[in-house]
Amino acid sequence: MDSSDENQHVPRGVFYCPVHRSFFYLLATILGIIVTLLFLDIVGAAFKRLFHSLSIAGIILLFVTCLLGSLVNIPLKTLRTRIPIMRSGYVTVLGFTYPIPTIVMRSYETLLVVNLGGAIIPTLASLYLLVRTPQVLLNALMATILVTIVVKTFARPVRGVGITVPGFIPPLAAVLLGIFLGGTYGHVVAYISGTLGTLIGADLLNLNVIPELGAPVASIGGAGTFDGVFLSGIIAVILF
């Protein structure tokens, strides 16, 4: 899709916070509280039930890596847009403020990237859970399809940002489906469906509208969806 001349304009890596700093600090605070409770063994049992072969240190490392990994985006390809790229610093949607990174690019190009902490790591964790608990495969698939439908319904394309979805929608839908479909493995079903359902419903099913948004960067699992993925994992574990 890209010529060699165009490729030289694509940055090798994109580093920026997927949500407004204040909200990122809030997520970090929530994670800090969870880490403290883990060390006090208040929610340690719940986390061990989800990632039962990981130590407490391994579980903490997983969520810290997801949070810090949200700052890292891996470029996939450059898409030609049909409208000029917006350069505003921030866009607020449904009470959430999203930063728009400033990148030197051609006026009608959007860089498609995949977020390390909001897409790659949670997906690998979900696949790990499926391998460890294959008995939940069918229910997890059904829950993921339903979360995908819910997230797709609430997802909104926002010019200059990309695809956004209210952060509380994915974890709420995932937890409810974990309760009704997961049984004793409700926490596993909630984590998998919350993670994969958000990525599919918000990002993958809306890739076709990206050229219409005029966003300098479109991040799979990043701006607009990272909070939903991150909170799905934490809330799914705490409530079961």
C-alpha atoms as a PDB file:
ATOM      1  CA  MET A   1       0.000   0.000   0.000  1.00  0.00           C
ATOM      2  CA  ASP A   2       2.887   2.373   0.749  1.00  0.00           C
ATOM      3  CA  SER A   3       5.638   3.377  -1.610  1.00  0.00           C
ATOM      4  CA  SER A   4       9.242   3.420  -0.468  1.00  0.00           C
ATOM      5  CA  ASP A   5       9.150   7.211  -0.546  1.00  0.00           C
ATOM      6  CA  GLU A   6       6.228   7.259   1.864  1.00  0.00           C
ATOM      7  CA  ASN A   7       7.737   4.694   4.227  1.00  0.00           C
ATOM      8  CA  GLN A   8      10.589   6.989   5.123  1.00  0.00           C
ATOM      9  CA  HIS A   9       8.039   9.343   6.702  1.00  0.00           C
ATOM     10  CA  VAL A  10       6.659   6.659   9.019  1.00  0.00           C
ATOM     11  CA  PRO A  11       8.239   6.798  12.497  1.00  0.00           C
ATOM     12  CA  ARG A  12       9.826   3.598  13.791  1.00  0.00           C
ATOM     13  CA  GLY A  13       7.983   3.818  17.095  1.00  0.00           C
ATOM     14  CA  VAL A  14       5.266   5.964  18.583  1.00  0.00           C
ATOM     15  CA  PHE A  15       5.307   6.775  22.281  1.00  0.00           C
ATOM     16  CA  TYR A  16       2.462   8.730  23.866  1.00  0.00           C
ATOM     17  CA  CYS A  17      -0.075   8.339  26.652  1.00  0.00           C
ATOM     18  CA  PRO A  18      -3.364   6.871  25.323  1.00  0.00           C
ATOM     19  CA  VAL A  19      -5.506   8.855  27.784  1.00  0.00           C
ATOM     20  CA  HIS A  20      -5.309  12.255  29.443  1.00  0.00           C
ATOM     21  CA  ARG A  21      -2.580  12.439  32.084  1.00  0.00           C
ATOM     22  CA  SER A  22      -5.029  12.860  34.952  1.00  0.00           C
ATOM     23  CA  PHE A  23      -6.904   9.695  33.938  1.00  0.00           C
ATOM     24  CA  PHE A  24      -3.632   7.825  33.439  1.00  0.00           C
ATOM     25  CA  TYR A  25      -2.633   8.808  36.979  1.00  0.00           C
ATOM     26  CA  LEU A  26      -6.034   7.576  38.186  1.00  0.00           C
ATOM     27  CA  LEU A  27      -5.417   4.187  36.541  1.00  0.00           C
ATOM     28  CA  ALA A  28      -1.950   4.110  38.091  1.00  0.00           C
ATOM     29  CA  THR A  29      -3.470   4.897  41.502  1.00  0.00           C
ATOM     30  CA  ILE A  30      -6.007   2.084  41.107  1.00  0.00           C
ATOM     31  CA  LEU A  31      -3.186  -0.277  40.180  1.00  0.00           C
ATOM     32  CA  GLY A  32      -1.188   0.923  43.197  1.00  0.00           C
ATOM     33  CA  ILE A  33      -4.099   0.154  45.510  1.00  0.00           C
ATOM     34  CA  ILE A  34      -4.476  -3.293  43.958  1.00  0.00           C
ATOM     35  CA  VAL A  35      -0.762  -3.977  44.375  1.00  0.00           C
ATOM     36  CA  THR A  36      -0.978  -2.956  48.037  1.00  0.00           C
ATOM     37  CA  LEU A  37      -3.978  -5.231  48.576  1.00  0.00           C
ATOM     38  CA  LEU A  38      -2.137  -8.035  46.830  1.00  0.00           C
ATOM     39  CA  PHE A  39       0.747  -7.749  49.250  1.00  0.00           C
ATOM     40  CA  LEU A  40      -1.762  -7.730  52.112  1.00  0.00           C
ATOM     41  CA  ASP A  41      -3.302 -10.865  50.542  1.00  0.00           C
ATOM     42  CA  ILE A  42      -6.761  -9.268  50.525  1.00  0.00           C
ATOM     43  CA  VAL A  43      -7.361  -9.854  46.811  1.00  0.00           C
ATOM     44  CA  GLY A  44      -4.378 -12.101  46.263  1.00  0.00           C
ATOM     45  CA  ALA A  45      -6.552 -15.226  46.204  1.00  0.00           C
ATOM     46  CA  ALA A  46      -8.735 -13.746  43.467  1.00  0.00           C
ATOM     47  CA  PHE A  47      -5.774 -12.933  41.257  1.00  0.00           C
ATOM     48  CA  LYS A  48      -4.269 -16.355  41.869  1.00  0.00           C
ATOM     49  CA  ARG A  49      -7.535 -17.947  40.757  1.00  0.00           C
ATOM     50  CA  LEU A  50      -7.260 -16.134  37.440  1.00  0.00           C
ATOM     51  CA  PHE A  51      -3.552 -16.590  36.794  1.00  0.00           C
ATOM     52  CA  HIS A  52      -3.106 -19.607  39.038  1.00  0.00           C
ATOM     53  CA  SER A  53       0.347 -20.553  37.784  1.00  0.00           C
ATOM     54  CA  LEU A  54       1.759 -17.057  38.313  1.00  0.00           C
ATOM     55  CA  SER A  55       3.244 -15.780  41.536  1.00  0.00           C
ATOM     56  CA  ILE A  56       2.039 -12.543  43.116  1.00  0.00           C
ATOM     57  CA  ALA A  57       5.109 -10.862  41.643  1.00  0.00           C
ATOM     58  CA  GLY A  58       4.228 -12.216  38.209  1.00  0.00           C
ATOM     59  CA  ILE A  59       0.655 -10.941  38.451  1.00  0.00           C
ATOM     60  CA  ILE A  60       1.818  -7.495  39.520  1.00  0.00           C
ATOM     61  CA  LEU A  61       4.342  -7.471  36.677  1.00  0.00           C
ATOM     62  CA  LEU A  62       1.573  -8.319  34.199  1.00  0.00           C
ATOM     63  CA  PHE A  63      -0.638  -5.349  35.147  1.00  0.00           C
ATOM     64  CA  VAL A  64       2.262  -2.929  35.562  1.00  0.00           C
ATOM     65  CA  THR A  65       3.523  -3.970  32.125  1.00  0.00           C
ATOM     66  CA  CYS A  66       0.051  -3.376  30.667  1.00  0.00           C
ATOM     67  CA  LEU A  67      -0.086   0.117  32.168  1.00  0.00           C
ATOM     68  CA  LEU A  68       3.430   1.116  31.127  1.00  0.00           C
ATOM     69  CA  GLY A  69       3.050  -0.703  27.828  1.00  0.00           C
ATOM     70  CA  SER A  70       0.156   1.610  26.994  1.00  0.00           C
ATOM     71  CA  LEU A  71       2.791   4.235  26.243  1.00  0.00           C
ATOM     72  CA  VAL A  72       4.262   2.073  23.478  1.00  0.00           C
ATOM     73  CA  ASN A  73       2.672   1.785  20.035  1.00  0.00           C
ATOM     74  CA  ILE A  74       4.070  -0.412  17.282  1.00  0.00           C
ATOM     75  CA  PRO A  75       3.558   0.978  13.753  1.00  0.00           C
ATOM     76  CA  LEU A  76       1.771  -1.345  11.321  1.00  0.00           C
ATOM     77  CA  LYS A  77       1.169   0.698   8.187  1.00  0.00           C
ATOM     78  CA  THR A  78       0.167   4.094   6.851  1.00  0.00           C
ATOM     79  CA  LEU A  79      -3.409   4.656   5.679  1.00  0.00           C
ATOM     80  CA  ARG A  80      -4.452   7.313   3.217  1.00  0.00           C
ATOM     81  CA  THR A  81      -7.171   9.493   4.714  1.00  0.00           C
ATOM     82  CA  ARG A  82      -9.930  11.305   2.850  1.00  0.00           C
ATOM     83  CA  ILE A  83      -9.820  14.441   5.005  1.00  0.00           C
ATOM     84  CA  PRO A  84      -6.961  16.590   6.394  1.00  0.00           C
ATOM     85  CA  ILE A  85      -5.275  15.406   9.585  1.00  0.00           C
ATOM     86  CA  MET A  86      -6.406  17.238  12.736  1.00  0.00           C
ATOM     87  CA  ARG A  87      -3.600  18.667  14.859  1.00  0.00           C
ATOM     88  CA  SER A  88      -5.484  19.691  18.040  1.00  0.00           C
ATOM     89  CA  GLY A  89      -3.875  18.720  21.330  1.00  0.00           C
ATOM     90  CA  TYR A  90      -6.856  17.104  23.053  1.00  0.00           C
ATOM     91  CA  VAL A  91     -10.394  15.977  22.248  1.00  0.00           C
ATOM     92  CA  THR A  92     -13.046  15.339  24.951  1.00  0.00           C
ATOM     93  CA  VAL A  93     -15.713  12.681  24.357  1.00  0.00           C
ATOM     94  CA  LEU A  94     -18.310  11.546  26.929  1.00  0.00           C
ATOM     95  CA  GLY A  95     -16.325  13.107  29.756  1.00  0.00           C
ATOM     96  CA  PHE A  96     -13.020  11.485  28.773  1.00  0.00           C
ATOM     97  CA  THR A  97     -10.208  13.592  27.327  1.00  0.00           C
ATOM     98  CA  TYR A  98      -7.928  11.936  24.791  1.00  0.00           C
ATOM     99  CA  PRO A  99      -4.517  13.305  23.751  1.00  0.00           C
ATOM    100  CA  ILE A 100      -3.748  13.547  20.055  1.00  0.00           C
ATOM    101  CA  PRO A 101      -0.035  13.004  19.391  1.00  0.00           C
ATOM    102  CA  THR A 102       1.786  15.464  17.159  1.00  0.00           C
ATOM    103  CA  ILE A 103       3.695  13.599  14.469  1.00  0.00           C
ATOM    104  CA  VAL A 104       5.353  14.999  11.371  1.00  0.00           C
ATOM    105  CA  MET A 105       3.436  13.264   8.590  1.00  0.00           C
ATOM    106  CA  ARG A 106       1.891  14.059   5.258  1.00  0.00           C
ATOM    107  CA  SER A 107      -1.391  15.929   5.451  1.00  0.00           C
ATOM    108  CA  TYR A 108      -3.530  13.014   4.299  1.00  0.00           C
ATOM    109  CA  GLU A 109      -2.004  10.022   6.085  1.00  0.00           C
ATOM    110  CA  THR A 110      -2.934   8.182   9.289  1.00  0.00           C
ATOM    111  CA  LEU A 111      -0.430   5.898  10.980  1.00  0.00           C
ATOM    112  CA  LEU A 112      -2.071   2.647  12.104  1.00  0.00           C
ATOM    113  CA  VAL A 113      -0.381   1.248  15.216  1.00  0.00           C
ATOM    114  CA  VAL A 114      -1.030  -1.494  17.766  1.00  0.00           C
ATOM    115  CA  ASN A 115      -0.726  -0.667  21.463  1.00  0.00           C
ATOM    116  CA  LEU A 116       1.556  -2.908  23.498  1.00  0.00           C
ATOM    117  CA  GLY A 117      -0.239  -2.601  26.845  1.00  0.00           C
ATOM    118  CA  GLY A 118      -3.782  -2.269  25.516  1.00  0.00           C
ATOM    119  CA  ALA A 119      -3.763  -4.933  22.798  1.00  0.00           C
ATOM    120  CA  ILE A 120      -0.752  -7.243  22.576  1.00  0.00           C
ATOM    121  CA  ILE A 121      -0.199  -8.114  26.253  1.00  0.00           C
ATOM    122  CA  PRO A 122      -3.911  -8.514  27.166  1.00  0.00           C
ATOM    123  CA  THR A 123      -4.472 -10.690  24.079  1.00  0.00           C
ATOM    124  CA  LEU A 124      -1.539 -12.927  25.008  1.00  0.00           C
ATOM    125  CA  ALA A 125      -2.885 -13.136  28.582  1.00  0.00           C
ATOM    126  CA  SER A 126      -6.315 -14.140  27.236  1.00  0.00           C
ATOM    127  CA  LEU A 127      -4.792 -16.846  25.025  1.00  0.00           C
ATOM    128  CA  TYR A 128      -2.810 -18.069  28.031  1.00  0.00           C
ATOM    129  CA  LEU A 129      -6.041 -18.373  30.039  1.00  0.00           C
ATOM    130  CA  LEU A 130      -7.735 -20.285  27.221  1.00  0.00           C
ATOM    131  CA  VAL A 131      -4.852 -22.745  27.085  1.00  0.00           C
ATOM    132  CA  ARG A 132      -4.879 -23.192  30.863  1.00  0.00           C
ATOM    133  CA  THR A 133      -8.685 -23.554  31.088  1.00  0.00           C
ATOM    134  CA  PRO A 134      -9.891 -25.049  27.762  1.00  0.00           C
ATOM    135  CA  GLN A 135     -13.225 -25.980  29.376  1.00  0.00           C
ATOM    136  CA  VAL A 136     -14.303 -22.322  29.171  1.00  0.00           C
ATOM    137  CA  LEU A 137     -13.664 -22.041  25.424  1.00  0.00           C
ATOM    138  CA  LEU A 138     -17.303 -22.172  24.296  1.00  0.00           C
ATOM    139  CA  ASN A 139     -18.653 -19.876  27.029  1.00  0.00           C
ATOM    140  CA  ALA A 140     -15.747 -17.478  26.599  1.00  0.00           C
ATOM    141  CA  LEU A 141     -16.425 -17.361  22.856  1.00  0.00           C
ATOM    142  CA  MET A 142     -20.128 -16.642  23.436  1.00  0.00           C
ATOM    143  CA  ALA A 143     -19.327 -13.943  26.006  1.00  0.00           C
ATOM    144  CA  THR A 144     -16.730 -12.370  23.715  1.00  0.00           C
ATOM    145  CA  ILE A 145     -19.263 -12.188  20.867  1.00  0.00           C
ATOM    146  CA  LEU A 146     -21.809 -10.517  23.157  1.00  0.00           C
ATOM    147  CA  VAL A 147     -19.278  -8.033  24.581  1.00  0.00           C
ATOM    148  CA  THR A 148     -18.194  -7.286  21.015  1.00  0.00           C
ATOM    149  CA  ILE A 149     -21.799  -6.450  20.083  1.00  0.00           C
ATOM    150  CA  VAL A 150     -22.227  -4.236  23.157  1.00  0.00           C
ATOM    151  CA  VAL A 151     -18.944  -2.401  22.605  1.00  0.00           C
ATOM    152  CA  LYS A 152     -19.617  -2.002  18.881  1.00  0.00           C
ATOM    153  CA  THR A 153     -22.987  -0.427  19.780  1.00  0.00           C
ATOM    154  CA  PHE A 154     -21.403   2.144  22.095  1.00  0.00           C
ATOM    155  CA  ALA A 155     -18.234   2.759  20.057  1.00  0.00           C
ATOM    156  CA  ARG A 156     -18.109   6.146  18.397  1.00  0.00           C
ATOM    157  CA  PRO A 157     -15.732   7.396  15.697  1.00  0.00           C
ATOM    158  CA  VAL A 158     -14.327  10.754  16.782  1.00  0.00           C
ATOM    159  CA  ARG A 159     -12.537  12.972  14.303  1.00  0.00           C
ATOM    160  CA  GLY A 160      -8.924  13.538  15.253  1.00  0.00           C
ATOM    161  CA  VAL A 161      -8.902  10.714  17.836  1.00  0.00           C
ATOM    162  CA  GLY A 162     -10.147   7.464  16.329  1.00  0.00           C
ATOM    163  CA  ILE A 163     -12.667   5.048  17.834  1.00  0.00           C
ATOM    164  CA  THR A 164     -13.767   5.722  21.420  1.00  0.00           C
ATOM    165  CA  VAL A 165     -15.952   3.806  23.864  1.00  0.00           C
ATOM    166  CA  PRO A 166     -16.877   4.746  27.470  1.00  0.00           C
ATOM    167  CA  GLY A 167     -14.347   3.035  29.737  1.00  0.00           C
ATOM    168  CA  PHE A 168     -16.931   1.496  32.080  1.00  0.00           C
ATOM    169  CA  ILE A 169     -18.955  -0.268  29.342  1.00  0.00           C
ATOM    170  CA  PRO A 170     -16.568  -3.182  28.525  1.00  0.00           C
ATOM    171  CA  PRO A 171     -15.832  -4.246  32.138  1.00  0.00           C
ATOM    172  CA  LEU A 172     -19.501  -3.971  33.133  1.00  0.00           C
ATOM    173  CA  ALA A 173     -20.629  -6.107  30.187  1.00  0.00           C
ATOM    174  CA  ALA A 174     -17.790  -8.601  30.742  1.00  0.00           C
ATOM    175  CA  VAL A 175     -18.502  -9.033  34.448  1.00  0.00           C
ATOM    176  CA  LEU A 176     -22.238  -9.548  33.878  1.00  0.00           C
ATOM    177  CA  LEU A 177     -21.556 -12.160  31.208  1.00  0.00           C
ATOM    178  CA  GLY A 178     -18.946 -13.794  33.425  1.00  0.00           C
ATOM    179  CA  ILE A 179     -21.603 -14.168  36.116  1.00  0.00           C
ATOM    180  CA  PHE A 180     -24.225 -15.651  33.766  1.00  0.00           C
ATOM    181  CA  LEU A 181     -21.992 -17.741  31.500  1.00  0.00           C
ATOM    182  CA  GLY A 182     -18.820 -18.438  33.440  1.00  0.00           C
ATOM    183  CA  GLY A 183     -20.002 -20.408  36.456  1.00  0.00           C
ATOM    184  CA  THR A 184     -16.988 -21.253  38.592  1.00  0.00           C
ATOM    185  CA  TYR A 185     -14.795 -19.780  35.849  1.00  0.00           C
ATOM    186  CA  GLY A 186     -16.646 -16.487  35.707  1.00  0.00           C
ATOM    187  CA  HIS A 187     -13.460 -14.506  36.330  1.00  0.00           C
ATOM    188  CA  VAL A 188     -11.736 -16.163  33.362  1.00  0.00           C
ATOM    189  CA  VAL A 189     -14.713 -15.594  31.040  1.00  0.00           C
ATOM    190  CA  ALA A 190     -14.963 -11.965  32.198  1.00  0.00           C
ATOM    191  CA  TYR A 191     -11.284 -11.250  31.571  1.00  0.00           C
ATOM    192  CA  ILE A 192     -11.193 -12.883  28.143  1.00  0.00           C
ATOM    193  CA  SER A 193     -14.474 -11.408  26.898  1.00  0.00           C
ATOM    194  CA  GLY A 194     -13.695  -7.954  28.293  1.00  0.00           C
ATOM    195  CA  THR A 195     -10.297  -7.869  26.623  1.00  0.00           C
ATOM    196  CA  LEU A 196     -11.031  -9.456  23.259  1.00  0.00           C
ATOM    197  CA  GLY A 197     -14.575  -8.065  22.995  1.00  0.00           C
ATOM    198  CA  THR A 198     -13.292  -4.519  23.450  1.00  0.00           C
ATOM    199  CA  LEU A 199     -10.518  -4.891  20.895  1.00  0.00           C
ATOM    200  CA  ILE A 200     -12.790  -6.499  18.306  1.00  0.00           C
ATOM    201  CA  GLY A 201     -15.893  -4.364  18.873  1.00  0.00           C
ATOM    202  CA  ALA A 202     -14.188  -0.996  19.184  1.00  0.00           C
ATOM    203  CA  ASP A 203     -11.118  -1.311  16.998  1.00  0.00           C
ATOM    204  CA  LEU A 204     -11.054  -4.204  14.542  1.00  0.00           C
ATOM    205  CA  LEU A 205     -14.671  -3.826  13.392  1.00  0.00           C
ATOM    206  CA  ASN A 206     -14.137  -0.093  12.818  1.00  0.00           C
ATOM    207  CA  LEU A 207     -10.897  -0.165  10.845  1.00  0.00           C
ATOM    208  CA  ASN A 208     -12.860   0.743   7.716  1.00  0.00           C
ATOM    209  CA  VAL A 209     -13.866   4.164   9.115  1.00  0.00           C
ATOM    210  CA  ILE A 210     -10.340   5.235  10.111  1.00  0.00           C
ATOM    211  CA  PRO A 211      -9.628   6.978   6.776  1.00  0.00           C
ATOM    212  CA  GLU A 212     -12.634   9.224   7.484  1.00  0.00           C
ATOM    213  CA  LEU A 213     -11.441  10.459  10.889  1.00  0.00           C
ATOM    214  CA  GLY A 214      -8.419  12.600  10.084  1.00  0.00           C
ATOM    215  CA  ALA A 215      -6.489  11.223  13.068  1.00  0.00           C
ATOM    216  CA  PRO A 216      -2.677  11.409  12.893  1.00  0.00           C
ATOM    217  CA  VAL A 217      -2.460   8.042  14.684  1.00  0.00           C
ATOM    218  CA  ALA A 218      -5.058   5.274  14.987  1.00  0.00           C
ATOM    219  CA  SER A 219      -4.056   2.927  17.803  1.00  0.00           C
ATOM    220  CA  ILE A 220      -5.524  -0.581  18.179  1.00  0.00           C
ATOM    221  CA  GLY A 221      -5.974  -0.973  21.929  1.00  0.00           C
ATOM    222  CA  GLY A 222      -4.751   2.568  22.554  1.00  0.00           C
ATOM    223  CA  ALA A 223      -6.571   5.909  22.712  1.00  0.00           C
ATOM    224  CA  GLY A 224     -10.285   5.429  23.242  1.00  0.00           C
ATOM    225  CA  THR A 225     -10.132   1.733  24.192  1.00  0.00           C
ATOM    226  CA  PHE A 226      -7.162   1.231  26.532  1.00  0.00           C
ATOM    227  CA  ASP A 227      -9.105   2.182  29.649  1.00  0.00           C
ATOM    228  CA  GLY A 228     -11.821  -0.347  28.809  1.00  0.00           C
ATOM    229  CA  VAL A 229      -9.313  -3.170  28.288  1.00  0.00           C
ATOM    230  CA  PHE A 230      -7.270  -2.324  31.378  1.00  0.00           C
ATOM    231  CA  LEU A 231     -10.265  -1.926  33.692  1.00  0.00           C
ATOM    232  CA  SER A 232     -11.876  -5.122  32.354  1.00  0.00           C
ATOM    233  CA  GLY A 233      -8.922  -7.143  33.576  1.00  0.00           C
ATOM    234  CA  ILE A 234      -8.795  -5.615  37.040  1.00  0.00           C
ATOM    235  CA  ILE A 235     -12.552  -5.472  37.685  1.00  0.00           C
ATOM    236  CA  ALA A 236     -13.113  -8.990  36.391  1.00  0.00           C
ATOM    237  CA  VAL A 237     -10.680 -10.347  38.948  1.00  0.00           C
ATOM    238  CA  ILE A 238     -11.793  -8.257  41.928  1.00  0.00           C
ATOM    239  CA  LEU A 239     -15.515  -9.010  41.596  1.00  0.00           C
ATOM    240  CA  PHE A 240     -15.161 -12.789  41.476  1.00  0.00           C
END
